[in-house]
Amino acid sequence: MFPSITFWVVLHCTWNTFVFENFGWYNSKLQKSHFKSKSTVESIVNNIIRNFQGSDEHLPVDHIKVIVKQLTGHTDYNLTNFAAGALTEVTTTAVKKVCDSVMGCNSTKCE
């Protein structure tokens, strides 16, 4: 996740066999956002939900693992180390909210 672009990858793993199912990017539209704001979390959640609606495109799974890469400062995106840490933090919060909202009643949450 960067202020202007989000990259994503879907891997399916079964018994140490990895299948590369899909990848892509979308416009994050966070350039002028205050990264520590709750509205930024909601914006990320809405982007994720809008870009990844349910379909039969991916294999069904018993559990989901999400990786959010820790950002550092990036001159191409005019991103300081402090802003990068804040963006990583709100991205992690947003992804947890999305996972919490789609998990069934018999699920177990692990961090």
PDB file of N, CA and C in Angstrom:
ATOM      1  N   MET A   1       0.851  -1.166   0.000  1.00  0.00           N
ATOM      2  CA  MET A   1       0.000   0.000   0.000  1.00  0.00           C
ATOM      3  C   MET A   1       0.891   1.221   0.000  1.00  0.00           C
ATOM      4  N   PHE A   2       0.723   2.058  -1.000  1.00  0.00           N
ATOM      5  CA  PHE A   2       1.354   3.370  -1.054  1.00  0.00           C
ATOM      6  C   PHE A   2       0.232   4.399  -1.138  1.00  0.00           C
ATOM      7  N   PRO A   3       0.532   5.674  -0.919  1.00  0.00           N
ATOM      8  CA  PRO A   3      -0.524   6.683  -0.972  1.00  0.00           C
ATOM      9  C   PRO A   3      -1.275   6.727  -2.307  1.00  0.00           C
ATOM     10  N   SER A   4      -0.603   6.394  -3.410  1.00  0.00           N
ATOM     11  CA  SER A   4      -1.263   6.494  -4.707  1.00  0.00           C
ATOM     12  C   SER A   4      -1.594   5.149  -5.348  1.00  0.00           C
ATOM     13  N   ILE A   5      -1.002   4.060  -4.853  1.00  0.00           N
ATOM     14  CA  ILE A   5      -1.219   2.764  -5.504  1.00  0.00           C
ATOM     15  C   ILE A   5      -1.126   1.628  -4.479  1.00  0.00           C
ATOM     16  N   THR A   6      -1.951   0.613  -4.685  1.00  0.00           N
ATOM     17  CA  THR A   6      -1.908  -0.598  -3.864  1.00  0.00           C
ATOM     18  C   THR A   6      -1.667  -1.786  -4.776  1.00  0.00           C
ATOM     19  N   PHE A   7      -0.681  -2.602  -4.429  1.00  0.00           N
ATOM     20  CA  PHE A   7      -0.390  -3.829  -5.160  1.00  0.00           C
ATOM     21  C   PHE A   7      -0.922  -5.006  -4.347  1.00  0.00           C
ATOM     22  N   TRP A   8      -1.419  -6.044  -5.026  1.00  0.00           N
ATOM     23  CA  TRP A   8      -1.932  -7.206  -4.312  1.00  0.00           C
ATOM     24  C   TRP A   8      -1.602  -8.485  -5.082  1.00  0.00           C
ATOM     25  N   VAL A   9      -1.500  -9.584  -4.335  1.00  0.00           N
ATOM     26  CA  VAL A   9      -1.201 -10.904  -4.892  1.00  0.00           C
ATOM     27  C   VAL A   9      -2.069 -11.925  -4.167  1.00  0.00           C
ATOM     28  N   VAL A  10      -2.598 -12.898  -4.906  1.00  0.00           N
ATOM     29  CA  VAL A  10      -3.343 -14.001  -4.301  1.00  0.00           C
ATOM     30  C   VAL A  10      -2.564 -15.285  -4.560  1.00  0.00           C
ATOM     31  N   LEU A  11      -2.132 -15.926  -3.471  1.00  0.00           N
ATOM     32  CA  LEU A  11      -1.459 -17.221  -3.541  1.00  0.00           C
ATOM     33  C   LEU A  11      -2.331 -18.237  -2.826  1.00  0.00           C
ATOM     34  N   HIS A  12      -2.416 -19.429  -3.387  1.00  0.00           N
ATOM     35  CA  HIS A  12      -3.145 -20.522  -2.737  1.00  0.00           C
ATOM     36  C   HIS A  12      -2.111 -21.566  -2.360  1.00  0.00           C
ATOM     37  N   CYS A  13      -2.087 -21.961  -1.083  1.00  0.00           N
ATOM     38  CA  CYS A  13      -1.086 -22.919  -0.604  1.00  0.00           C
ATOM     39  C   CYS A  13      -1.776 -24.121   0.010  1.00  0.00           C
ATOM     40  N   THR A  14      -1.404 -25.305  -0.456  1.00  0.00           N
ATOM     41  CA  THR A  14      -1.890 -26.555   0.108  1.00  0.00           C
ATOM     42  C   THR A  14      -0.715 -27.517   0.204  1.00  0.00           C
ATOM     43  N   TRP A  15      -0.392 -27.932   1.400  1.00  0.00           N
ATOM     44  CA  TRP A  15       0.694 -28.885   1.626  1.00  0.00           C
ATOM     45  C   TRP A  15       1.973 -28.470   0.894  1.00  0.00           C
ATOM     46  N   ASN A  16       2.383 -27.232   1.131  1.00  0.00           N
ATOM     47  CA  ASN A  16       3.611 -26.668   0.566  1.00  0.00           C
ATOM     48  C   ASN A  16       3.617 -26.585  -0.958  1.00  0.00           C
ATOM     49  N   THR A  17       2.453 -26.625  -1.566  1.00  0.00           N
ATOM     50  CA  THR A  17       2.323 -26.384  -2.995  1.00  0.00           C
ATOM     51  C   THR A  17       1.650 -25.031  -3.163  1.00  0.00           C
ATOM     52  N   PHE A  18       2.332 -24.120  -3.838  1.00  0.00           N
ATOM     53  CA  PHE A  18       1.828 -22.765  -4.012  1.00  0.00           C
ATOM     54  C   PHE A  18       1.315 -22.576  -5.427  1.00  0.00           C
ATOM     55  N   VAL A  19       0.116 -22.033  -5.540  1.00  0.00           N
ATOM     56  CA  VAL A  19      -0.471 -21.705  -6.836  1.00  0.00           C
ATOM     57  C   VAL A  19      -0.660 -20.190  -6.880  1.00  0.00           C
ATOM     58  N   PHE A  20      -0.042 -19.568  -7.863  1.00  0.00           N
ATOM     59  CA  PHE A  20      -0.166 -18.133  -8.063  1.00  0.00           C
ATOM     60  C   PHE A  20      -1.473 -17.900  -8.799  1.00  0.00           C
ATOM     61  N   GLU A  21      -2.500 -17.394  -8.093  1.00  0.00           N
ATOM     62  CA  GLU A  21      -3.832 -17.282  -8.674  1.00  0.00           C
ATOM     63  C   GLU A  21      -4.095 -15.949  -9.366  1.00  0.00           C
ATOM     64  N   ASN A  22      -3.588 -14.859  -8.798  1.00  0.00           N
ATOM     65  CA  ASN A  22      -3.935 -13.567  -9.361  1.00  0.00           C
ATOM     66  C   ASN A  22      -3.028 -12.498  -8.772  1.00  0.00           C
ATOM     67  N   PHE A  23      -2.933 -11.372  -9.429  1.00  0.00           N
ATOM     68  CA  PHE A  23      -2.210 -10.218  -8.912  1.00  0.00           C
ATOM     69  C   PHE A  23      -2.756  -8.966  -9.586  1.00  0.00           C
ATOM     70  N   GLY A  24      -2.442  -7.821  -9.028  1.00  0.00           N
ATOM     71  CA  GLY A  24      -2.896  -6.592  -9.652  1.00  0.00           C
ATOM     72  C   GLY A  24      -2.583  -5.379  -8.805  1.00  0.00           C
ATOM     73  N   TRP A  25      -3.221  -4.284  -9.135  1.00  0.00           N
ATOM     74  CA  TRP A  25      -3.046  -3.025  -8.421  1.00  0.00           C
ATOM     75  C   TRP A  25      -4.307  -2.197  -8.591  1.00  0.00           C
ATOM     76  N   TYR A  26      -4.474  -1.220  -7.728  1.00  0.00           N
ATOM     77  CA  TYR A  26      -5.547  -0.240  -7.884  1.00  0.00           C
ATOM     78  C   TYR A  26      -5.089   1.089  -7.298  1.00  0.00           C
ATOM     79  N   ASN A  27      -5.766   2.148  -7.659  1.00  0.00           N
ATOM     80  CA  ASN A  27      -5.445   3.486  -7.197  1.00  0.00           C
ATOM     81  C   ASN A  27      -5.913   3.643  -5.753  1.00  0.00           C
ATOM     82  N   SER A  28      -4.982   3.863  -4.834  1.00  0.00           N
ATOM     83  CA  SER A  28      -5.303   3.980  -3.414  1.00  0.00           C
ATOM     84  C   SER A  28      -6.043   5.267  -3.080  1.00  0.00           C
ATOM     85  N   LYS A  29      -5.757   6.344  -3.793  1.00  0.00           N
ATOM     86  CA  LYS A  29      -6.386   7.649  -3.584  1.00  0.00           C
ATOM     87  C   LYS A  29      -6.208   8.146  -2.147  1.00  0.00           C
ATOM     88  N   LEU A  30      -5.009   7.990  -1.598  1.00  0.00           N
ATOM     89  CA  LEU A  30      -4.745   8.406  -0.218  1.00  0.00           C
ATOM     90  C   LEU A  30      -3.715   9.530  -0.129  1.00  0.00           C
ATOM     91  N   GLN A  31      -3.346  10.128  -1.255  1.00  0.00           N
ATOM     92  CA  GLN A  31      -2.268  11.110  -1.277  1.00  0.00           C
ATOM     93  C   GLN A  31      -2.485  12.262  -0.285  1.00  0.00           C
ATOM     94  N   LYS A  32      -3.697  12.753  -0.139  1.00  0.00           N
ATOM     95  CA  LYS A  32      -3.955  13.915   0.711  1.00  0.00           C
ATOM     96  C   LYS A  32      -4.607  13.519   2.038  1.00  0.00           C
ATOM     97  N   SER A  33      -4.562  12.242   2.371  1.00  0.00           N
ATOM     98  CA  SER A  33      -5.183  11.763   3.608  1.00  0.00           C
ATOM     99  C   SER A  33      -4.246  11.930   4.793  1.00  0.00           C
ATOM    100  N   HIS A  34      -4.841  12.103   5.971  1.00  0.00           N
ATOM    101  CA  HIS A  34      -4.091  12.052   7.221  1.00  0.00           C
ATOM    102  C   HIS A  34      -4.072  10.579   7.616  1.00  0.00           C
ATOM    103  N   PHE A  35      -2.895   9.941   7.575  1.00  0.00           N
ATOM    104  CA  PHE A  35      -2.813   8.491   7.701  1.00  0.00           C
ATOM    105  C   PHE A  35      -3.271   7.951   9.050  1.00  0.00           C
ATOM    106  N   LYS A  36      -3.185   8.724  10.113  1.00  0.00           N
ATOM    107  CA  LYS A  36      -3.603   8.227  11.432  1.00  0.00           C
ATOM    108  C   LYS A  36      -5.102   8.383  11.670  1.00  0.00           C
ATOM    109  N   SER A  37      -5.840   8.815  10.676  1.00  0.00           N
ATOM    110  CA  SER A  37      -7.265   9.105  10.823  1.00  0.00           C
ATOM    111  C   SER A  37      -8.127   7.857  10.622  1.00  0.00           C
ATOM    112  N   LYS A  38      -9.249   7.806  11.346  1.00  0.00           N
ATOM    113  CA  LYS A  38     -10.216   6.714  11.158  1.00  0.00           C
ATOM    114  C   LYS A  38     -10.808   6.750   9.755  1.00  0.00           C
ATOM    115  N   SER A  39     -10.906   7.941   9.168  1.00  0.00           N
ATOM    116  CA  SER A  39     -11.445   8.044   7.808  1.00  0.00           C
ATOM    117  C   SER A  39     -10.514   7.380   6.795  1.00  0.00           C
ATOM    118  N   THR A  40      -9.210   7.364   7.079  1.00  0.00           N
ATOM    119  CA  THR A  40      -8.263   6.674   6.193  1.00  0.00           C
ATOM    120  C   THR A  40      -8.469   5.168   6.277  1.00  0.00           C
ATOM    121  N   VAL A  41      -8.709   4.667   7.492  1.00  0.00           N
ATOM    122  CA  VAL A  41      -9.014   3.235   7.659  1.00  0.00           C
ATOM    123  C   VAL A  41     -10.258   2.887   6.855  1.00  0.00           C
ATOM    124  N   GLU A  42     -11.304   3.689   6.980  1.00  0.00           N
ATOM    125  CA  GLU A  42     -12.548   3.422   6.248  1.00  0.00           C
ATOM    126  C   GLU A  42     -12.344   3.504   4.738  1.00  0.00           C
ATOM    127  N   SER A  43     -11.523   4.438   4.291  1.00  0.00           N
ATOM    128  CA  SER A  43     -11.229   4.551   2.862  1.00  0.00           C
ATOM    129  C   SER A  43     -10.533   3.298   2.341  1.00  0.00           C
ATOM    130  N   ILE A  44      -9.572   2.776   3.112  1.00  0.00           N
ATOM    131  CA  ILE A  44      -8.870   1.549   2.720  1.00  0.00           C
ATOM    132  C   ILE A  44      -9.841   0.376   2.705  1.00  0.00           C
ATOM    133  N   VAL A  45     -10.676   0.254   3.737  1.00  0.00           N
ATOM    134  CA  VAL A  45     -11.674  -0.826   3.792  1.00  0.00           C
ATOM    135  C   VAL A  45     -12.584  -0.768   2.564  1.00  0.00           C
ATOM    136  N   ASN A  46     -13.078   0.425   2.241  1.00  0.00           N
ATOM    137  CA  ASN A  46     -13.966   0.570   1.087  1.00  0.00           C
ATOM    138  C   ASN A  46     -13.263   0.222  -0.218  1.00  0.00           C
ATOM    139  N   ASN A  47     -11.986   0.604  -0.361  1.00  0.00           N
ATOM    140  CA  ASN A  47     -11.224   0.238  -1.561  1.00  0.00           C
ATOM    141  C   ASN A  47     -11.068  -1.266  -1.682  1.00  0.00           C
ATOM    142  N   ILE A  48     -10.750  -1.922  -0.558  1.00  0.00           N
ATOM    143  CA  ILE A  48     -10.568  -3.373  -0.581  1.00  0.00           C
ATOM    144  C   ILE A  48     -11.876  -4.063  -0.955  1.00  0.00           C
ATOM    145  N   ILE A  49     -12.961  -3.668  -0.325  1.00  0.00           N
ATOM    146  CA  ILE A  49     -14.263  -4.295  -0.594  1.00  0.00           C
ATOM    147  C   ILE A  49     -14.692  -4.055  -2.042  1.00  0.00           C
ATOM    148  N   ARG A  50     -14.482  -2.843  -2.540  1.00  0.00           N
ATOM    149  CA  ARG A  50     -14.869  -2.515  -3.920  1.00  0.00           C
ATOM    150  C   ARG A  50     -14.036  -3.302  -4.937  1.00  0.00           C
ATOM    151  N   ASN A  51     -12.752  -3.506  -4.652  1.00  0.00           N
ATOM    152  CA  ASN A  51     -11.868  -4.172  -5.601  1.00  0.00           C
ATOM    153  C   ASN A  51     -11.849  -5.693  -5.474  1.00  0.00           C
ATOM    154  N   PHE A  52     -12.339  -6.240  -4.364  1.00  0.00           N
ATOM    155  CA  PHE A  52     -12.288  -7.688  -4.150  1.00  0.00           C
ATOM    156  C   PHE A  52     -13.632  -8.223  -3.714  1.00  0.00           C
ATOM    157  N   GLN A  53     -14.611  -8.105  -4.547  1.00  0.00           N
ATOM    158  CA  GLN A  53     -15.915  -8.651  -4.219  1.00  0.00           C
ATOM    159  C   GLN A  53     -15.902 -10.155  -4.463  1.00  0.00           C
ATOM    160  N   GLY A  54     -16.720 -10.882  -3.728  1.00  0.00           N
ATOM    161  CA  GLY A  54     -16.736 -12.334  -3.809  1.00  0.00           C
ATOM    162  C   GLY A  54     -17.011 -12.857  -5.207  1.00  0.00           C
ATOM    163  N   SER A  55     -16.311 -13.933  -5.554  1.00  0.00           N
ATOM    164  CA  SER A  55     -16.506 -14.566  -6.850  1.00  0.00           C
ATOM    165  C   SER A  55     -15.981 -15.993  -6.772  1.00  0.00           C
ATOM    166  N   ASP A  56     -16.187 -16.738  -7.830  1.00  0.00           N
ATOM    167  CA  ASP A  56     -15.666 -18.102  -7.911  1.00  0.00           C
ATOM    168  C   ASP A  56     -14.300 -18.127  -8.581  1.00  0.00           C
ATOM    169  N   GLU A  57     -13.685 -16.963  -8.709  1.00  0.00           N
ATOM    170  CA  GLU A  57     -12.402 -16.841  -9.402  1.00  0.00           C
ATOM    171  C   GLU A  57     -11.266 -17.550  -8.669  1.00  0.00           C
ATOM    172  N   HIS A  58     -11.301 -17.542  -7.320  1.00  0.00           N
ATOM    173  CA  HIS A  58     -10.229 -18.135  -6.526  1.00  0.00           C
ATOM    174  C   HIS A  58     -10.689 -19.432  -5.879  1.00  0.00           C
ATOM    175  N   LEU A  59      -9.730 -20.307  -5.581  1.00  0.00           N
ATOM    176  CA  LEU A  59     -10.037 -21.573  -4.923  1.00  0.00           C
ATOM    177  C   LEU A  59     -10.560 -21.326  -3.508  1.00  0.00           C
ATOM    178  N   PRO A  60     -11.505 -22.150  -3.032  1.00  0.00           N
ATOM    179  CA  PRO A  60     -11.993 -21.992  -1.651  1.00  0.00           C
ATOM    180  C   PRO A  60     -10.892 -22.376  -0.653  1.00  0.00           C
ATOM    181  N   VAL A  61     -10.911 -21.757   0.523  1.00  0.00           N
ATOM    182  CA  VAL A  61      -9.887 -22.017   1.533  1.00  0.00           C
ATOM    183  C   VAL A  61     -10.517 -22.201   2.903  1.00  0.00           C
ATOM    184  N   ASP A  62      -9.758 -22.855   3.795  1.00  0.00           N
ATOM    185  CA  ASP A  62     -10.186 -23.025   5.179  1.00  0.00           C
ATOM    186  C   ASP A  62      -9.741 -21.855   6.048  1.00  0.00           C
ATOM    187  N   HIS A  63      -8.670 -21.204   5.658  1.00  0.00           N
ATOM    188  CA  HIS A  63      -8.206 -20.038   6.408  1.00  0.00           C
ATOM    189  C   HIS A  63      -7.518 -19.049   5.466  1.00  0.00           C
ATOM    190  N   ILE A  64      -7.421 -17.822   5.946  1.00  0.00           N
ATOM    191  CA  ILE A  64      -6.848 -16.733   5.158  1.00  0.00           C
ATOM    192  C   ILE A  64      -5.672 -16.152   5.929  1.00  0.00           C
ATOM    193  N   LYS A  65      -4.574 -15.917   5.241  1.00  0.00           N
ATOM    194  CA  LYS A  65      -3.435 -15.209   5.823  1.00  0.00           C
ATOM    195  C   LYS A  65      -3.227 -13.952   4.999  1.00  0.00           C
ATOM    196  N   VAL A  66      -3.078 -12.846   5.678  1.00  0.00           N
ATOM    197  CA  VAL A  66      -2.874 -11.566   5.015  1.00  0.00           C
ATOM    198  C   VAL A  66      -1.527 -11.016   5.457  1.00  0.00           C
ATOM    199  N   ILE A  67      -0.750 -10.545   4.511  1.00  0.00           N
ATOM    200  CA  ILE A  67       0.542  -9.944   4.819  1.00  0.00           C
ATOM    201  C   ILE A  67       0.500  -8.481   4.392  1.00  0.00           C
ATOM    202  N   VAL A  68       0.806  -7.601   5.324  1.00  0.00           N
ATOM    203  CA  VAL A  68       0.928  -6.177   5.036  1.00  0.00           C
ATOM    204  C   VAL A  68       2.406  -5.848   5.163  1.00  0.00           C
ATOM    205  N   LYS A  69       3.017  -5.414   4.073  1.00  0.00           N
ATOM    206  CA  LYS A  69       4.446  -5.112   4.077  1.00  0.00           C
ATOM    207  C   LYS A  69       4.702  -3.822   4.844  1.00  0.00           C
ATOM    208  N   GLN A  70       5.682  -3.855   5.739  1.00  0.00           N
ATOM    209  CA  GLN A  70       6.089  -2.659   6.490  1.00  0.00           C
ATOM    210  C   GLN A  70       6.763  -1.690   5.529  1.00  0.00           C
ATOM    211  N   LEU A  71       6.186  -0.508   5.397  1.00  0.00           N
ATOM    212  CA  LEU A  71       6.748   0.504   4.510  1.00  0.00           C
ATOM    213  C   LEU A  71       7.869   1.276   5.188  1.00  0.00           C
ATOM    214  N   THR A  72       8.763   1.812   4.376  1.00  0.00           N
ATOM    215  CA  THR A  72       9.753   2.782   4.823  1.00  0.00           C
ATOM    216  C   THR A  72       9.605   4.000   3.924  1.00  0.00           C
ATOM    217  N   GLY A  73      10.314   5.047   4.245  1.00  0.00           N
ATOM    218  CA  GLY A  73      10.246   6.253   3.423  1.00  0.00           C
ATOM    219  C   GLY A  73      10.545   5.939   1.964  1.00  0.00           C
ATOM    220  N   HIS A  74       9.899   6.674   1.081  1.00  0.00           N
ATOM    221  CA  HIS A  74      10.034   6.407  -0.356  1.00  0.00           C
ATOM    222  C   HIS A  74       9.988   7.743  -1.092  1.00  0.00           C
ATOM    223  N   THR A  75      11.103   8.117  -1.715  1.00  0.00           N
ATOM    224  CA  THR A  75      11.167   9.427  -2.374  1.00  0.00           C
ATOM    225  C   THR A  75      10.239   9.524  -3.581  1.00  0.00           C
ATOM    226  N   ASP A  76      10.030   8.433  -4.308  1.00  0.00           N
ATOM    227  CA  ASP A  76       9.141   8.470  -5.480  1.00  0.00           C
ATOM    228  C   ASP A  76       7.699   8.798  -5.097  1.00  0.00           C
ATOM    229  N   TYR A  77       7.304   8.451  -3.885  1.00  0.00           N
ATOM    230  CA  TYR A  77       5.941   8.703  -3.418  1.00  0.00           C
ATOM    231  C   TYR A  77       5.874   9.853  -2.414  1.00  0.00           C
ATOM    232  N   ASN A  78       6.997  10.576  -2.231  1.00  0.00           N
ATOM    233  CA  ASN A  78       7.061  11.673  -1.276  1.00  0.00           C
ATOM    234  C   ASN A  78       6.580  11.214   0.103  1.00  0.00           C
ATOM    235  N   LEU A  79       7.114  10.084   0.552  1.00  0.00           N
ATOM    236  CA  LEU A  79       6.671   9.433   1.782  1.00  0.00           C
ATOM    237  C   LEU A  79       7.814   9.402   2.791  1.00  0.00           C
ATOM    238  N   THR A  80       7.635  10.050   3.936  1.00  0.00           N
ATOM    239  CA  THR A  80       8.647  10.027   4.989  1.00  0.00           C
ATOM    240  C   THR A  80       8.555   8.713   5.758  1.00  0.00           C
ATOM    241  N   ASN A  81       9.584   8.408   6.538  1.00  0.00           N
ATOM    242  CA  ASN A  81       9.540   7.193   7.366  1.00  0.00           C
ATOM    243  C   ASN A  81       8.375   7.236   8.346  1.00  0.00           C
ATOM    244  N   PHE A  82       8.108   8.395   8.943  1.00  0.00           N
ATOM    245  CA  PHE A  82       7.001   8.533   9.889  1.00  0.00           C
ATOM    246  C   PHE A  82       5.661   8.274   9.201  1.00  0.00           C
ATOM    247  N   ALA A  83       5.457   8.883   8.034  1.00  0.00           N
ATOM    248  CA  ALA A  83       4.205   8.685   7.289  1.00  0.00           C
ATOM    249  C   ALA A  83       4.070   7.236   6.834  1.00  0.00           C
ATOM    250  N   ALA A  84       5.192   6.620   6.441  1.00  0.00           N
ATOM    251  CA  ALA A  84       5.163   5.217   6.013  1.00  0.00           C
ATOM    252  C   ALA A  84       4.726   4.315   7.155  1.00  0.00           C
ATOM    253  N   GLY A  85       5.224   4.560   8.357  1.00  0.00           N
ATOM    254  CA  GLY A  85       4.813   3.772   9.517  1.00  0.00           C
ATOM    255  C   GLY A  85       3.337   3.951   9.826  1.00  0.00           C
ATOM    256  N   ALA A  86       2.853   5.192   9.725  1.00  0.00           N
ATOM    257  CA  ALA A  86       1.438   5.454   9.969  1.00  0.00           C
ATOM    258  C   ALA A  86       0.562   4.777   8.929  1.00  0.00           C
ATOM    259  N   LEU A  87       0.981   4.801   7.658  1.00  0.00           N
ATOM    260  CA  LEU A  87       0.210   4.151   6.590  1.00  0.00           C
ATOM    261  C   LEU A  87       0.189   2.637   6.780  1.00  0.00           C
ATOM    262  N   THR A  88       1.305   2.060   7.199  1.00  0.00           N
ATOM    263  CA  THR A  88       1.344   0.619   7.483  1.00  0.00           C
ATOM    264  C   THR A  88       0.392   0.269   8.619  1.00  0.00           C
ATOM    265  N   GLU A  89       0.374   1.103   9.651  1.00  0.00           N
ATOM    266  CA  GLU A  89      -0.502   0.860  10.808  1.00  0.00           C
ATOM    267  C   GLU A  89      -1.977   0.910  10.420  1.00  0.00           C
ATOM    268  N   VAL A  90      -2.402   1.925   9.655  1.00  0.00           N
ATOM    269  CA  VAL A  90      -3.817   2.009   9.284  1.00  0.00           C
ATOM    270  C   VAL A  90      -4.188   0.924   8.281  1.00  0.00           C
ATOM    271  N   THR A  91      -3.250   0.518   7.438  1.00  0.00           N
ATOM    272  CA  THR A  91      -3.517  -0.573   6.497  1.00  0.00           C
ATOM    273  C   THR A  91      -3.767  -1.870   7.253  1.00  0.00           C
ATOM    274  N   THR A  92      -2.946  -2.141   8.261  1.00  0.00           N
ATOM    275  CA  THR A  92      -3.130  -3.341   9.085  1.00  0.00           C
ATOM    276  C   THR A  92      -4.483  -3.305   9.795  1.00  0.00           C
ATOM    277  N   THR A  93      -4.850  -2.168  10.343  1.00  0.00           N
ATOM    278  CA  THR A  93      -6.152  -2.011  11.002  1.00  0.00           C
ATOM    279  C   THR A  93      -7.292  -2.257  10.016  1.00  0.00           C
ATOM    280  N   ALA A  94      -7.170  -1.703   8.811  1.00  0.00           N
ATOM    281  CA  ALA A  94      -8.218  -1.864   7.790  1.00  0.00           C
ATOM    282  C   ALA A  94      -8.360  -3.324   7.365  1.00  0.00           C
ATOM    283  N   VAL A  95      -7.246  -3.999   7.156  1.00  0.00           N
ATOM    284  CA  VAL A  95      -7.301  -5.403   6.728  1.00  0.00           C
ATOM    285  C   VAL A  95      -7.925  -6.266   7.818  1.00  0.00           C
ATOM    286  N   LYS A  96      -7.613  -5.982   9.080  1.00  0.00           N
ATOM    287  CA  LYS A  96      -8.235  -6.718  10.188  1.00  0.00           C
ATOM    288  C   LYS A  96      -9.741  -6.503  10.196  1.00  0.00           C
ATOM    289  N   LYS A  97     -10.180  -5.263   9.944  1.00  0.00           N
ATOM    290  CA  LYS A  97     -11.623  -4.980   9.895  1.00  0.00           C
ATOM    291  C   LYS A  97     -12.299  -5.764   8.770  1.00  0.00           C
ATOM    292  N   VAL A  98     -11.661  -5.834   7.613  1.00  0.00           N
ATOM    293  CA  VAL A  98     -12.239  -6.577   6.489  1.00  0.00           C
ATOM    294  C   VAL A  98     -12.334  -8.054   6.843  1.00  0.00           C
ATOM    295  N   CYS A  99     -11.266  -8.626   7.379  1.00  0.00           N
ATOM    296  CA  CYS A  99     -11.279 -10.048   7.751  1.00  0.00           C
ATOM    297  C   CYS A  99     -12.330 -10.324   8.818  1.00  0.00           C
ATOM    298  N   ASP A 100     -12.428  -9.453   9.825  1.00  0.00           N
ATOM    299  CA  ASP A 100     -13.428  -9.630  10.881  1.00  0.00           C
ATOM    300  C   ASP A 100     -14.842  -9.603  10.313  1.00  0.00           C
ATOM    301  N   SER A 101     -15.061  -8.776   9.294  1.00  0.00           N
ATOM    302  CA  SER A 101     -16.411  -8.639   8.741  1.00  0.00           C
ATOM    303  C   SER A 101     -16.832  -9.817   7.869  1.00  0.00           C
ATOM    304  N   VAL A 102     -15.885 -10.552   7.293  1.00  0.00           N
ATOM    305  CA  VAL A 102     -16.251 -11.641   6.383  1.00  0.00           C
ATOM    306  C   VAL A 102     -16.152 -13.027   7.017  1.00  0.00           C
ATOM    307  N   MET A 103     -15.589 -13.120   8.209  1.00  0.00           N
ATOM    308  CA  MET A 103     -15.441 -14.421   8.848  1.00  0.00           C
ATOM    309  C   MET A 103     -16.791 -14.905   9.381  1.00  0.00           C
ATOM    310  N   GLY A 104     -17.001 -16.184   9.294  1.00  0.00           N
ATOM    311  CA  GLY A 104     -18.244 -16.778   9.784  1.00  0.00           C
ATOM    312  C   GLY A 104     -18.264 -16.894  11.296  1.00  0.00           C
ATOM    313  N   CYS A 105     -19.410 -17.307  11.831  1.00  0.00           N
ATOM    314  CA  CYS A 105     -19.568 -17.374  13.285  1.00  0.00           C
ATOM    315  C   CYS A 105     -18.740 -18.495  13.920  1.00  0.00           C
ATOM    316  N   ASN A 106     -18.345 -19.503  13.151  1.00  0.00           N
ATOM    317  CA  ASN A 106     -17.550 -20.604  13.696  1.00  0.00           C
ATOM    318  C   ASN A 106     -16.068 -20.424  13.435  1.00  0.00           C
ATOM    319  N   SER A 107     -15.616 -19.216  13.156  1.00  0.00           N
ATOM    320  CA  SER A 107     -14.219 -18.980  12.831  1.00  0.00           C
ATOM    321  C   SER A 107     -13.412 -18.654  14.094  1.00  0.00           C
ATOM    322  N   THR A 108     -12.109 -18.791  13.983  1.00  0.00           N
ATOM    323  CA  THR A 108     -11.190 -18.462  15.061  1.00  0.00           C
ATOM    324  C   THR A 108     -10.203 -17.427  14.540  1.00  0.00           C
ATOM    325  N   LYS A 109     -10.028 -16.371  15.293  1.00  0.00           N
ATOM    326  CA  LYS A 109      -9.111 -15.310  14.887  1.00  0.00           C
ATOM    327  C   LYS A 109      -7.763 -15.508  15.560  1.00  0.00           C
ATOM    328  N   CYS A 110      -6.694 -15.462  14.769  1.00  0.00           N
ATOM    329  CA  CYS A 110      -5.324 -15.579  15.291  1.00  0.00           C
ATOM    330  C   CYS A 110      -4.507 -14.409  14.791  1.00  0.00           C
ATOM    331  N   GLU A 111      -3.635 -13.888  15.617  1.00  0.00           N
ATOM    332  CA  GLU A 111      -2.718 -12.813  15.197  1.00  0.00           C
ATOM    333  C   GLU A 111      -1.308 -13.258  15.456  1.00  0.00           C
TER     334      GLU A 111
END
